[in-house]
C-alpha atoms as a PDB file:
ATOM      1  CA  MET A   1      20.948   4.323 -56.143  1.00  0.00           C
ATOM      2  CA  SER A   2      20.809   6.360 -52.970  1.00  0.00           C
ATOM      3  CA  ARG A   3      22.901   9.111 -51.455  1.00  0.00           C
ATOM      4  CA  ALA A   4      24.356   8.046 -48.140  1.00  0.00           C
ATOM      5  CA  ILE A   5      27.029   8.958 -45.629  1.00  0.00           C
ATOM      6  CA  VAL A   6      29.698   6.246 -45.779  1.00  0.00           C
ATOM      7  CA  ILE A   7      32.604   5.539 -43.423  1.00  0.00           C
ATOM      8  CA  GLN A   8      35.486   3.706 -45.129  1.00  0.00           C
ATOM      9  CA  HIS A   9      37.689   3.800 -42.027  1.00  0.00           C
ATOM     10  CA  THR A  10      37.183   4.941 -38.461  1.00  0.00           C
ATOM     11  CA  GLY A  11      38.310   8.336 -37.262  1.00  0.00           C
ATOM     12  CA  GLY A  12      37.061  11.870 -36.695  1.00  0.00           C
ATOM     13  CA  PRO A  13      34.033  13.552 -38.278  1.00  0.00           C
ATOM     14  CA  GLU A  14      36.042  14.030 -41.486  1.00  0.00           C
ATOM     15  CA  VAL A  15      35.571  10.323 -42.322  1.00  0.00           C
ATOM     16  CA  LEU A  16      31.836  10.909 -42.871  1.00  0.00           C
ATOM     17  CA  LEU A  17      31.667  11.088 -46.669  1.00  0.00           C
ATOM     18  CA  LEU A  18      28.622  11.607 -48.888  1.00  0.00           C
ATOM     19  CA  GLN A  19      28.535   8.967 -51.628  1.00  0.00           C
ATOM     20  CA  GLU A  20      26.171   7.325 -54.087  1.00  0.00           C
ATOM     21  CA  VAL A  21      25.478   3.740 -53.025  1.00  0.00           C
ATOM     22  CA  GLU A  22      23.441   0.950 -54.529  1.00  0.00           C
ATOM     23  CA  VAL A  23      20.472  -0.173 -52.451  1.00  0.00           C
ATOM     24  CA  SER A  24      19.538  -3.805 -52.977  1.00  0.00           C
ATOM     25  CA  LYS A  25      15.979  -5.081 -52.952  1.00  0.00           C
ATOM     26  CA  PRO A  26      14.822  -5.799 -49.398  1.00  0.00           C
ATOM     27  CA  ALA A  27      15.684  -9.333 -48.294  1.00  0.00           C
ATOM     28  CA  LYS A  28      13.283 -11.720 -46.626  1.00  0.00           C
ATOM     29  CA  GLY A  29      11.803 -10.069 -43.553  1.00  0.00           C
ATOM     30  CA  GLU A  30      13.079  -6.609 -44.535  1.00  0.00           C
ATOM     31  CA  VAL A  31      11.353  -3.370 -45.471  1.00  0.00           C
ATOM     32  CA  GLN A  32      12.848  -0.689 -47.714  1.00  0.00           C
ATOM     33  CA  VAL A  33      12.214   2.808 -46.396  1.00  0.00           C
ATOM     34  CA  ARG A  34      12.613   6.177 -48.078  1.00  0.00           C
ATOM     35  CA  VAL A  35      14.116   8.175 -45.233  1.00  0.00           C
ATOM     36  CA  THR A  36      12.519  11.565 -44.518  1.00  0.00           C
ATOM     37  CA  ALA A  37      14.545  12.357 -41.381  1.00  0.00           C
ATOM     38  CA  ALA A  38      17.310  10.613 -39.428  1.00  0.00           C
ATOM     39  CA  GLY A  39      18.321  11.096 -35.826  1.00  0.00           C
ATOM     40  CA  VAL A  40      21.895  11.944 -34.800  1.00  0.00           C
ATOM     41  CA  ASN A  41      23.113  10.218 -31.646  1.00  0.00           C
ATOM     42  CA  TYR A  42      26.277   9.627 -29.655  1.00  0.00           C
ATOM     43  CA  ILE A  43      26.261   5.942 -30.617  1.00  0.00           C
ATOM     44  CA  ASP A  44      26.824   7.082 -34.224  1.00  0.00           C
ATOM     45  CA  ALA A  45      29.943   8.946 -33.123  1.00  0.00           C
ATOM     46  CA  TYR A  46      31.142   5.986 -31.051  1.00  0.00           C
ATOM     47  CA  GLN A  47      30.847   3.731 -34.116  1.00  0.00           C
ATOM     48  CA  ARG A  48      32.512   6.315 -36.355  1.00  0.00           C
ATOM     49  CA  SER A  49      35.484   6.683 -33.989  1.00  0.00           C
ATOM     50  CA  GLY A  50      35.936   2.949 -33.470  1.00  0.00           C
ATOM     51  CA  LEU A  51      34.961   3.000 -29.791  1.00  0.00           C
ATOM     52  CA  TYR A  52      32.105   0.679 -30.760  1.00  0.00           C
ATOM     53  CA  PRO A  53      33.564  -1.564 -33.516  1.00  0.00           C
ATOM     54  CA  VAL A  54      31.520  -1.993 -36.705  1.00  0.00           C
ATOM     55  CA  ALA A  55      32.130  -3.708 -40.026  1.00  0.00           C
ATOM     56  CA  LEU A  56      33.507  -1.374 -42.687  1.00  0.00           C
ATOM     57  CA  PRO A  57      32.470   0.255 -44.930  1.00  0.00           C
ATOM     58  CA  HIS A  58      29.695   1.494 -42.659  1.00  0.00           C
ATOM     59  CA  ILE A  59      26.671   3.752 -43.134  1.00  0.00           C
ATOM     60  CA  PRO A  60      25.898   5.267 -39.720  1.00  0.00           C
ATOM     61  CA  GLY A  61      22.528   5.916 -38.187  1.00  0.00           C
ATOM     62  CA  GLY A  62      20.167   3.715 -36.234  1.00  0.00           C
ATOM     63  CA  GLU A  63      17.260   6.147 -35.907  1.00  0.00           C
ATOM     64  CA  MET A  64      14.958   7.429 -38.639  1.00  0.00           C
ATOM     65  CA  CYS A  65      11.463   8.020 -39.916  1.00  0.00           C
ATOM     66  CA  GLY A  66      10.319   7.445 -43.461  1.00  0.00           C
ATOM     67  CA  VAL A  67       7.886   5.889 -45.891  1.00  0.00           C
ATOM     68  CA  VAL A  68       7.742   2.230 -46.907  1.00  0.00           C
ATOM     69  CA  VAL A  69       8.591   1.810 -50.593  1.00  0.00           C
ATOM     70  CA  ALA A  70       9.203  -1.954 -50.915  1.00  0.00           C
ATOM     71  CA  LEU A  71       8.670  -5.149 -48.947  1.00  0.00           C
ATOM     72  CA  GLY A  72      10.768  -8.273 -48.690  1.00  0.00           C
ATOM     73  CA  ALA A  73       9.271 -11.749 -48.663  1.00  0.00           C
ATOM     74  CA  GLY A  74       7.308 -12.674 -45.581  1.00  0.00           C
ATOM     75  CA  VAL A  75       6.536  -9.139 -44.440  1.00  0.00           C
ATOM     76  CA  ASN A  76       2.853  -8.818 -43.605  1.00  0.00           C
ATOM     77  CA  ASP A  77       2.743  -6.071 -40.953  1.00  0.00           C
ATOM     78  CA  PHE A  78       3.515  -3.199 -43.333  1.00  0.00           C
ATOM     79  CA  LYS A  79       2.520  -1.985 -46.787  1.00  0.00           C
ATOM     80  CA  ALA A  80       3.885   0.533 -49.278  1.00  0.00           C
ATOM     81  CA  GLY A  81       3.060   4.061 -48.176  1.00  0.00           C
ATOM     82  CA  ASP A  82       3.098   3.346 -44.438  1.00  0.00           C
ATOM     83  CA  ARG A  83       4.902   5.914 -42.302  1.00  0.00           C
ATOM     84  CA  VAL A  84       7.343   4.006 -40.141  1.00  0.00           C
ATOM     85  CA  ALA A  85      10.120   4.751 -37.681  1.00  0.00           C
ATOM     86  CA  CYS A  86      13.038   2.918 -36.141  1.00  0.00           C
ATOM     87  CA  GLY A  87      15.442   3.544 -33.276  1.00  0.00           C
ATOM     88  CA  THR A  88      17.406   0.308 -33.344  1.00  0.00           C
ATOM     89  CA  ALA A  89      18.330  -0.206 -36.994  1.00  0.00           C
ATOM     90  CA  GLY A  90      21.971  -0.315 -35.904  1.00  0.00           C
ATOM     91  CA  HIS A  91      23.226   1.284 -39.117  1.00  0.00           C
ATOM     92  CA  GLY A  92      22.172   2.608 -42.500  1.00  0.00           C
ATOM     93  CA  CYS A  93      19.908   5.537 -41.629  1.00  0.00           C
ATOM     94  CA  TYR A  94      22.217   8.352 -42.770  1.00  0.00           C
ATOM     95  CA  ALA A  95      20.859   7.744 -46.260  1.00  0.00           C
ATOM     96  CA  GLU A  96      18.013   8.442 -48.645  1.00  0.00           C
ATOM     97  CA  ARG A  97      16.930   4.791 -48.601  1.00  0.00           C
ATOM     98  CA  VAL A  98      17.600   1.946 -46.195  1.00  0.00           C
ATOM     99  CA  ASN A  99      16.562  -1.678 -45.790  1.00  0.00           C
ATOM    100  CA  VAL A 100      15.496  -2.438 -42.210  1.00  0.00           C
ATOM    101  CA  PRO A 101      14.266  -5.669 -40.614  1.00  0.00           C
ATOM    102  CA  ALA A 102      10.513  -5.383 -40.227  1.00  0.00           C
ATOM    103  CA  ALA A 103      10.886  -6.537 -36.620  1.00  0.00           C
ATOM    104  CA  ARG A 104      12.665  -3.259 -35.808  1.00  0.00           C
ATOM    105  CA  LEU A 105      10.043  -0.944 -37.299  1.00  0.00           C
ATOM    106  CA  VAL A 106       6.944   0.636 -35.816  1.00  0.00           C
ATOM    107  CA  LYS A 107       4.130   2.495 -37.529  1.00  0.00           C
ATOM    108  CA  VAL A 108       4.044   6.202 -36.754  1.00  0.00           C
ATOM    109  CA  PRO A 109       0.635   7.338 -35.490  1.00  0.00           C
ATOM    110  CA  LYS A 110      -1.191  10.422 -36.691  1.00  0.00           C
ATOM    111  CA  GLY A 111      -0.242  13.465 -34.678  1.00  0.00           C
ATOM    112  CA  ILE A 112       3.471  12.603 -34.706  1.00  0.00           C
ATOM    113  CA  SER A 113       5.458  14.354 -37.455  1.00  0.00           C
ATOM    114  CA  ASP A 114       8.271  12.674 -39.380  1.00  0.00           C
ATOM    115  CA  GLU A 115      10.869  14.919 -37.751  1.00  0.00           C
ATOM    116  CA  VAL A 116       9.571  14.224 -34.248  1.00  0.00           C
ATOM    117  CA  ALA A 117       9.417  10.484 -34.923  1.00  0.00           C
ATOM    118  CA  ALA A 118      13.021  10.496 -36.164  1.00  0.00           C
ATOM    119  CA  ALA A 119      14.135  12.429 -33.103  1.00  0.00           C
ATOM    120  CA  LEU A 120      12.298  10.423 -30.478  1.00  0.00           C
ATOM    121  CA  MET A 121      12.688   6.755 -31.352  1.00  0.00           C
ATOM    122  CA  LEU A 122      16.111   5.961 -29.903  1.00  0.00           C
ATOM    123  CA  LYS A 123      16.123   8.774 -27.352  1.00  0.00           C
ATOM    124  CA  GLY A 124      12.497   8.341 -26.314  1.00  0.00           C
ATOM    125  CA  MET A 125      12.751   4.584 -25.921  1.00  0.00           C
ATOM    126  CA  THR A 126      16.023   5.049 -24.039  1.00  0.00           C
ATOM    127  CA  ALA A 127      14.224   7.333 -21.603  1.00  0.00           C
ATOM    128  CA  GLN A 128      11.415   4.785 -21.389  1.00  0.00           C
ATOM    129  CA  TYR A 129      13.587   1.847 -20.396  1.00  0.00           C
ATOM    130  CA  LEU A 130      15.601   4.004 -17.976  1.00  0.00           C
ATOM    131  CA  ILE A 131      12.730   5.472 -15.954  1.00  0.00           C
ATOM    132  CA  ARG A 132       9.971   2.925 -16.584  1.00  0.00           C
ATOM    133  CA  GLN A 133      11.910  -0.349 -16.497  1.00  0.00           C
ATOM    134  CA  ILE A 134      15.381  -0.105 -14.929  1.00  0.00           C
ATOM    135  CA  TYR A 135      14.276   2.272 -12.175  1.00  0.00           C
ATOM    136  CA  PRO A 136      10.511   2.889 -12.276  1.00  0.00           C
ATOM    137  CA  VAL A 137      10.374   6.525 -11.220  1.00  0.00           C
ATOM    138  CA  LYS A 138       7.512   7.334  -8.885  1.00  0.00           C
ATOM    139  CA  LYS A 139       5.971  10.251  -7.055  1.00  0.00           C
ATOM    140  CA  GLY A 140       8.216  11.490  -4.286  1.00  0.00           C
ATOM    141  CA  ASP A 141      11.498  10.324  -5.823  1.00  0.00           C
ATOM    142  CA  THR A 142      14.408  12.713  -6.229  1.00  0.00           C
ATOM    143  CA  ILE A 143      16.677  11.709  -9.108  1.00  0.00           C
ATOM    144  CA  LEU A 144      19.858  12.986 -10.769  1.00  0.00           C
ATOM    145  CA  VAL A 145      20.068  13.244 -14.556  1.00  0.00           C
ATOM    146  CA  HIS A 146      23.421  14.116 -16.092  1.00  0.00           C
ATOM    147  CA  ALA A 147      23.359  16.001 -19.416  1.00  0.00           C
ATOM    148  CA  ALA A 148      19.870  17.195 -18.536  1.00  0.00           C
ATOM    149  CA  ALA A 149      19.695  19.474 -21.585  1.00  0.00           C
ATOM    150  CA  GLY A 150      20.565  16.699 -24.039  1.00  0.00           C
ATOM    151  CA  GLY A 151      18.148  14.705 -26.165  1.00  0.00           C
ATOM    152  CA  VAL A 152      17.527  11.911 -23.651  1.00  0.00           C
ATOM    153  CA  GLY A 153      17.987  14.232 -20.684  1.00  0.00           C
ATOM    154  CA  LEU A 154      15.186  16.598 -21.682  1.00  0.00           C
ATOM    155  CA  ILE A 155      12.790  13.696 -22.194  1.00  0.00           C
ATOM    156  CA  ILE A 156      13.658  12.199 -18.795  1.00  0.00           C
ATOM    157  CA  CYS A 157      13.260  15.580 -17.095  1.00  0.00           C
ATOM    158  CA  GLN A 158       9.783  16.106 -18.532  1.00  0.00           C
ATOM    159  CA  TRP A 159       8.558  12.551 -18.070  1.00  0.00           C
ATOM    160  CA  ALA A 160       9.951  12.037 -14.557  1.00  0.00           C
ATOM    161  CA  SER A 161       8.574  15.386 -13.438  1.00  0.00           C
ATOM    162  CA  ALA A 162       5.138  14.416 -14.753  1.00  0.00           C
ATOM    163  CA  LEU A 163       5.410  11.179 -12.748  1.00  0.00           C
ATOM    164  CA  GLY A 164       5.832  13.275  -9.601  1.00  0.00           C
ATOM    165  CA  ALA A 165       9.598  13.102  -9.161  1.00  0.00           C
ATOM    166  CA  THR A 166      11.927  15.966  -8.303  1.00  0.00           C
ATOM    167  CA  VAL A 167      14.592  16.154 -10.981  1.00  0.00           C
ATOM    168  CA  ILE A 168      18.119  17.400 -10.353  1.00  0.00           C
ATOM    169  CA  GLY A 169      20.112  17.841 -13.553  1.00  0.00           C
ATOM    170  CA  THR A 170      23.664  18.724 -14.510  1.00  0.00           C
ATOM    171  CA  VAL A 171      24.375  21.003 -17.459  1.00  0.00           C
ATOM    172  CA  GLY A 172      27.366  22.777 -18.966  1.00  0.00           C
ATOM    173  CA  SER A 173      26.141  26.356 -19.390  1.00  0.00           C
ATOM    174  CA  PRO A 174      23.579  28.893 -18.126  1.00  0.00           C
ATOM    175  CA  ALA A 175      21.630  28.534 -21.390  1.00  0.00           C
ATOM    176  CA  LYS A 176      21.422  24.767 -20.921  1.00  0.00           C
ATOM    177  CA  ALA A 177      20.343  25.278 -17.309  1.00  0.00           C
ATOM    178  CA  LYS A 178      17.503  27.513 -18.482  1.00  0.00           C
ATOM    179  CA  LEU A 179      16.439  24.923 -21.066  1.00  0.00           C
ATOM    180  CA  ALA A 180      16.512  22.071 -18.544  1.00  0.00           C
ATOM    181  CA  LYS A 181      14.432  24.057 -16.048  1.00  0.00           C
ATOM    182  CA  ALA A 182      11.884  24.825 -18.753  1.00  0.00           C
ATOM    183  CA  ASN A 183      11.528  21.073 -19.289  1.00  0.00           C
ATOM    184  CA  GLY A 184      10.839  19.854 -15.772  1.00  0.00           C
ATOM    185  CA  CYS A 185      14.290  19.961 -14.161  1.00  0.00           C
ATOM    186  CA  GLU A 186      13.763  21.637 -10.776  1.00  0.00           C
ATOM    187  CA  TYR A 187      17.450  22.045  -9.976  1.00  0.00           C
ATOM    188  CA  ALA A 188      19.919  22.583 -12.833  1.00  0.00           C
ATOM    189  CA  ILE A 189      23.560  22.432 -11.686  1.00  0.00           C
ATOM    190  CA  ASN A 190      26.192  23.944 -13.968  1.00  0.00           C
ATOM    191  CA  TYR A 191      29.075  21.529 -13.386  1.00  0.00           C
ATOM    192  CA  ASN A 192      31.536  24.127 -14.717  1.00  0.00           C
ATOM    193  CA  GLU A 193      30.648  26.417 -11.825  1.00  0.00           C
ATOM    194  CA  LYS A 194      29.614  24.170  -8.941  1.00  0.00           C
ATOM    195  CA  ASP A 195      30.485  20.768  -7.461  1.00  0.00           C
ATOM    196  CA  PHE A 196      27.436  18.655  -8.262  1.00  0.00           C
ATOM    197  CA  VAL A 197      28.017  16.315  -5.300  1.00  0.00           C
ATOM    198  CA  LYS A 198      27.963  19.257  -2.880  1.00  0.00           C
ATOM    199  CA  GLU A 199      24.848  20.623  -4.576  1.00  0.00           C
ATOM    200  CA  VAL A 200      23.064  17.274  -4.381  1.00  0.00           C
ATOM    201  CA  THR A 201      24.014  17.047  -0.700  1.00  0.00           C
ATOM    202  CA  ARG A 202      22.609  20.536  -0.106  1.00  0.00           C
ATOM    203  CA  ILE A 203      19.406  19.976  -2.076  1.00  0.00           C
ATOM    204  CA  THR A 204      18.636  16.636  -0.410  1.00  0.00           C
ATOM    205  CA  LYS A 205      19.801  17.807   3.039  1.00  0.00           C
ATOM    206  CA  GLY A 206      22.285  14.965   3.077  1.00  0.00           C
ATOM    207  CA  GLU A 207      19.776  12.205   2.280  1.00  0.00           C
ATOM    208  CA  MET A 208      21.195  11.766  -1.241  1.00  0.00           C
ATOM    209  CA  LEU A 209      19.504   9.885  -4.082  1.00  0.00           C
ATOM    210  CA  PRO A 210      18.122   6.465  -4.971  1.00  0.00           C
ATOM    211  CA  VAL A 211      19.320   6.658  -8.595  1.00  0.00           C
ATOM    212  CA  VAL A 212      21.681   8.524 -10.922  1.00  0.00           C
ATOM    213  CA  PHE A 213      21.236   8.415 -14.704  1.00  0.00           C
ATOM    214  CA  ASP A 214      24.583   9.093 -16.367  1.00  0.00           C
ATOM    215  CA  SER A 215      25.342   9.441 -20.079  1.00  0.00           C
ATOM    216  CA  ILE A 216      28.582  11.390 -19.606  1.00  0.00           C
ATOM    217  CA  GLY A 217      30.949   8.713 -18.315  1.00  0.00           C
ATOM    218  CA  ALA A 218      34.532   9.541 -17.394  1.00  0.00           C
ATOM    219  CA  ASP A 219      33.974  13.149 -16.299  1.00  0.00           C
ATOM    220  CA  THR A 220      31.204  12.291 -13.827  1.00  0.00           C
ATOM    221  CA  PHE A 221      32.737   9.139 -12.372  1.00  0.00           C
ATOM    222  CA  PRO A 222      33.229   8.270  -9.541  1.00  0.00           C
ATOM    223  CA  ALA A 223      31.572  11.441  -8.209  1.00  0.00           C
ATOM    224  CA  SER A 224      28.160  10.139  -9.303  1.00  0.00           C
ATOM    225  CA  LEU A 225      28.503   7.318  -6.781  1.00  0.00           C
ATOM    226  CA  ASP A 226      28.852   9.901  -4.007  1.00  0.00           C
ATOM    227  CA  CYS A 227      25.382  11.215  -4.841  1.00  0.00           C
ATOM    228  CA  LEU A 228      23.719   7.896  -4.000  1.00  0.00           C
ATOM    229  CA  GLN A 229      22.051   6.617  -0.858  1.00  0.00           C
ATOM    230  CA  ARG A 230      22.955   3.261   0.586  1.00  0.00           C
ATOM    231  CA  PHE A 231      21.779   0.588  -1.897  1.00  0.00           C
ATOM    232  CA  GLY A 232      21.438   3.288  -4.580  1.00  0.00           C
ATOM    233  CA  LEU A 233      21.539   2.530  -8.309  1.00  0.00           C
ATOM    234  CA  PHE A 234      24.084   4.013 -10.730  1.00  0.00           C
ATOM    235  CA  VAL A 235      22.825   3.740 -14.314  1.00  0.00           C
ATOM    236  CA  SER A 236      25.633   4.344 -16.824  1.00  0.00           C
ATOM    237  CA  TYR A 237      24.041   4.457 -20.269  1.00  0.00           C
ATOM    238  CA  GLY A 238      26.524   6.533 -22.269  1.00  0.00           C
ATOM    239  CA  ASN A 239      30.022   7.989 -22.325  1.00  0.00           C
ATOM    240  CA  SER A 240      30.070  11.337 -24.097  1.00  0.00           C
ATOM    241  CA  SER A 241      33.260  12.305 -22.220  1.00  0.00           C
ATOM    242  CA  GLY A 242      34.836   8.867 -22.602  1.00  0.00           C
ATOM    243  CA  PRO A 243      34.101   5.521 -20.938  1.00  0.00           C
ATOM    244  CA  VAL A 244      34.023   4.985 -17.190  1.00  0.00           C
ATOM    245  CA  PRO A 245      37.545   3.811 -16.255  1.00  0.00           C
ATOM    246  CA  PRO A 246      38.076   0.294 -14.903  1.00  0.00           C
ATOM    247  CA  PHE A 247      37.448   0.062 -11.163  1.00  0.00           C
ATOM    248  CA  SER A 248      37.207  -2.546  -8.442  1.00  0.00           C
ATOM    249  CA  PRO A 249      33.709  -3.735  -7.538  1.00  0.00           C
ATOM    250  CA  ALA A 250      34.801  -3.155  -3.939  1.00  0.00           C
ATOM    251  CA  LEU A 251      34.250   0.565  -4.609  1.00  0.00           C
ATOM    252  CA  LEU A 252      30.502  -0.106  -4.744  1.00  0.00           C
ATOM    253  CA  ALA A 253      30.695  -1.746  -1.336  1.00  0.00           C
ATOM    254  CA  GLN A 254      32.708   1.097   0.151  1.00  0.00           C
ATOM    255  CA  LYS A 255      30.164   3.688  -0.983  1.00  0.00           C
ATOM    256  CA  GLY A 256      27.094   1.976   0.464  1.00  0.00           C
ATOM    257  CA  SER A 257      26.517  -1.422  -1.138  1.00  0.00           C
ATOM    258  CA  LEU A 258      25.596   0.296  -4.367  1.00  0.00           C
ATOM    259  CA  TYR A 259      24.237  -1.251  -7.549  1.00  0.00           C
ATOM    260  CA  MET A 260      25.454  -0.419 -11.040  1.00  0.00           C
ATOM    261  CA  THR A 261      24.172  -1.300 -14.486  1.00  0.00           C
ATOM    262  CA  ARG A 262      25.444  -0.564 -17.997  1.00  0.00           C
ATOM    263  CA  PRO A 263      22.343  -1.195 -20.116  1.00  0.00           C
ATOM    264  CA  THR A 264      21.648  -0.931 -23.812  1.00  0.00           C
ATOM    265  CA  LEU A 265      18.332  -0.199 -25.485  1.00  0.00           C
ATOM    266  CA  PHE A 266      18.720  -3.186 -27.809  1.00  0.00           C
ATOM    267  CA  ASP A 267      18.254  -5.617 -24.907  1.00  0.00           C
ATOM    268  CA  TYR A 268      15.145  -3.866 -23.625  1.00  0.00           C
ATOM    269  CA  VAL A 269      13.431  -3.990 -27.042  1.00  0.00           C
ATOM    270  CA  HIS A 270      14.872  -7.267 -28.311  1.00  0.00           C
ATOM    271  CA  THR A 271      11.509  -8.585 -29.537  1.00  0.00           C
ATOM    272  CA  PRO A 272       8.984  -6.839 -31.798  1.00  0.00           C
ATOM    273  CA  GLU A 273       6.464  -6.967 -28.952  1.00  0.00           C
ATOM    274  CA  LEU A 274       8.766  -5.218 -26.490  1.00  0.00           C
ATOM    275  CA  LEU A 275       9.812  -2.701 -29.134  1.00  0.00           C
ATOM    276  CA  ARG A 276       6.266  -1.735 -30.004  1.00  0.00           C
ATOM    277  CA  LYS A 277       5.189  -1.595 -26.369  1.00  0.00           C
ATOM    278  CA  ALA A 278       8.018   0.827 -25.551  1.00  0.00           C
ATOM    279  CA  ALA A 279       7.476   2.904 -28.700  1.00  0.00           C
ATOM    280  CA  ASN A 280       3.734   3.144 -28.129  1.00  0.00           C
ATOM    281  CA  GLU A 281       4.282   4.397 -24.581  1.00  0.00           C
ATOM    282  CA  VAL A 282       6.656   7.050 -25.931  1.00  0.00           C
ATOM    283  CA  PHE A 283       4.214   8.051 -28.680  1.00  0.00           C
ATOM    284  CA  ALA A 284       1.449   8.317 -26.052  1.00  0.00           C
ATOM    285  CA  VAL A 285       3.317  10.729 -23.752  1.00  0.00           C
ATOM    286  CA  VAL A 286       4.291  12.871 -26.744  1.00  0.00           C
ATOM    287  CA  LYS A 287       0.760  12.966 -28.136  1.00  0.00           C
ATOM    288  CA  ASN A 288      -0.799  13.856 -24.772  1.00  0.00           C
ATOM    289  CA  GLY A 289       1.699  16.650 -24.218  1.00  0.00           C
ATOM    290  CA  THR A 290       3.555  15.137 -21.272  1.00  0.00           C
ATOM    291  CA  VAL A 291       6.776  15.157 -23.307  1.00  0.00           C
ATOM    292  CA  LYS A 292       7.757  17.669 -25.959  1.00  0.00           C
ATOM    293  CA  ILE A 293      10.528  16.660 -28.341  1.00  0.00           C
ATOM    294  CA  ASN A 294      12.983  19.531 -28.675  1.00  0.00           C
ATOM    295  CA  ILE A 295      14.516  19.415 -32.170  1.00  0.00           C
ATOM    296  CA  ASN A 296      17.063  22.181 -31.793  1.00  0.00           C
ATOM    297  CA  GLN A 297      19.456  21.291 -34.629  1.00  0.00           C
ATOM    298  CA  ARG A 298      18.648  20.397 -38.225  1.00  0.00           C
ATOM    299  CA  TYR A 299      21.298  19.516 -40.807  1.00  0.00           C
ATOM    300  CA  MET A 300      21.189  18.430 -44.418  1.00  0.00           C
ATOM    301  CA  LEU A 301      22.536  14.925 -45.064  1.00  0.00           C
ATOM    302  CA  GLU A 302      25.785  16.294 -46.483  1.00  0.00           C
ATOM    303  CA  GLN A 303      26.329  18.174 -43.187  1.00  0.00           C
ATOM    304  CA  ALA A 304      26.663  14.984 -41.139  1.00  0.00           C
ATOM    305  CA  ALA A 305      30.259  15.777 -40.201  1.00  0.00           C
ATOM    306  CA  GLN A 306      29.232  19.151 -38.788  1.00  0.00           C
ATOM    307  CA  ALA A 307      26.435  17.466 -36.845  1.00  0.00           C
ATOM    308  CA  HIS A 308      29.016  15.180 -35.207  1.00  0.00           C
ATOM    309  CA  ILE A 309      31.371  18.083 -34.504  1.00  0.00           C
ATOM    310  CA  ASP A 310      28.616  20.045 -32.776  1.00  0.00           C
ATOM    311  CA  LEU A 311      27.370  17.024 -30.828  1.00  0.00           C
ATOM    312  CA  GLN A 312      30.780  16.096 -29.471  1.00  0.00           C
ATOM    313  CA  ALA A 313      31.654  19.713 -28.677  1.00  0.00           C
ATOM    314  CA  ARG A 314      28.508  19.750 -26.510  1.00  0.00           C
ATOM    315  CA  LYS A 315      27.162  22.656 -28.535  1.00  0.00           C
ATOM    316  CA  THR A 316      23.818  20.939 -29.071  1.00  0.00           C
ATOM    317  CA  THR A 317      20.715  20.764 -26.926  1.00  0.00           C
ATOM    318  CA  GLY A 318      17.747  18.472 -27.307  1.00  0.00           C
ATOM    319  CA  SER A 319      17.678  16.413 -30.496  1.00  0.00           C
ATOM    320  CA  SER A 320      19.562  16.753 -33.779  1.00  0.00           C
ATOM    321  CA  ILE A 321      18.320  15.393 -37.101  1.00  0.00           C
ATOM    322  CA  LEU A 322      19.596  14.975 -40.654  1.00  0.00           C
ATOM    323  CA  LEU A 323      17.317  15.751 -43.588  1.00  0.00           C
ATOM    324  CA  PRO A 324      18.106  13.735 -46.777  1.00  0.00           C
END
C-alpha cells in the first residue's frame, strides 16, 4: 500500500484527497520508485480542473525523484537502489510509490540532490527545449519571458543570460521583480504597474524582439504579438491565466508575418535518447552553476491542495515540491 493524492472527479483544489492505494508490481518495462520528492506544476492543476482531460480516478504528478525498489520484466538499464528522476510520467507522482515506464526515467548524477532533481526535471527540460531547440538563444539576442519569477521562468532567465542574451521578463510584484533580476533577468516589468508592450518598445528602441516565451496565456494575448519583430516567433507553452482565445491566423499576418507554436515537452523527449540528452544537458548546467534551482515552497504530501491554491494564486516563485 502507498499513500497518494487521488482525484475522484475534476474540480478545485479540494478534490485532491489523501488516500491509501494499492501499488501493483511493476509491469513489463516498468520500474517501481519510492518517491522522495515530487514536483508541483501547472499541468497538474490543468488535469485536476479538467482543462486537460484525464482518466479518473487520477493520481496527479508527472515529476519526481526517488529510489528504485522493484523492476518489471525486460528492464536492464536500472537496478534496485538507483536514484532516478522523471519529468514526463504523466501521472502518479503525488504518492509514496509509483510505477513508471523505464523509458521515461533518468539516473540522477552525484551532485544533484533529490529535491533539486524533483524540481528541475519537467521545468528544466521545458526550459531546455524552449531555448535550445525551438528557438536556440544566442549571444546578442533580446528575448521576452513571461512569468519570469516562476519555475521555468527563472531557469530560462539564468540560462539565456549565460548564453549571452538580454532577458526582459514580466512579473506580478516588486518582490518577484527582485527575484527575476537576481537570476539573470536584466529588465523585470511589473505588468500590474506598466504596459509591457510599451516597456519592450522603450527597451529595444522600437526594434522589438525575435521571440516571446509565454506561459500565461489569456492575460498576455494578443499583446505578446505586439512585442515581436517581423517574422518573430510566439511560443505559447502554458496558460496559467486561461488558454489563448481562438483567433484568426490572419492576425499573425497583420502583425508582421509572425510564427506561433504551442509545443509540449512530451514531443521533444518522445524517445529515451532524446529524454536523456535533454536531461543530461539540464543536469550539466545545474552542476556547473550556470543554473540554480530555486525551491521556494515545500509542502508535505497531504498539503497538495494548498500547493495548488498557492500556485494558482500566483503566490509562488521558483519551484514547489511535495515531500511524501
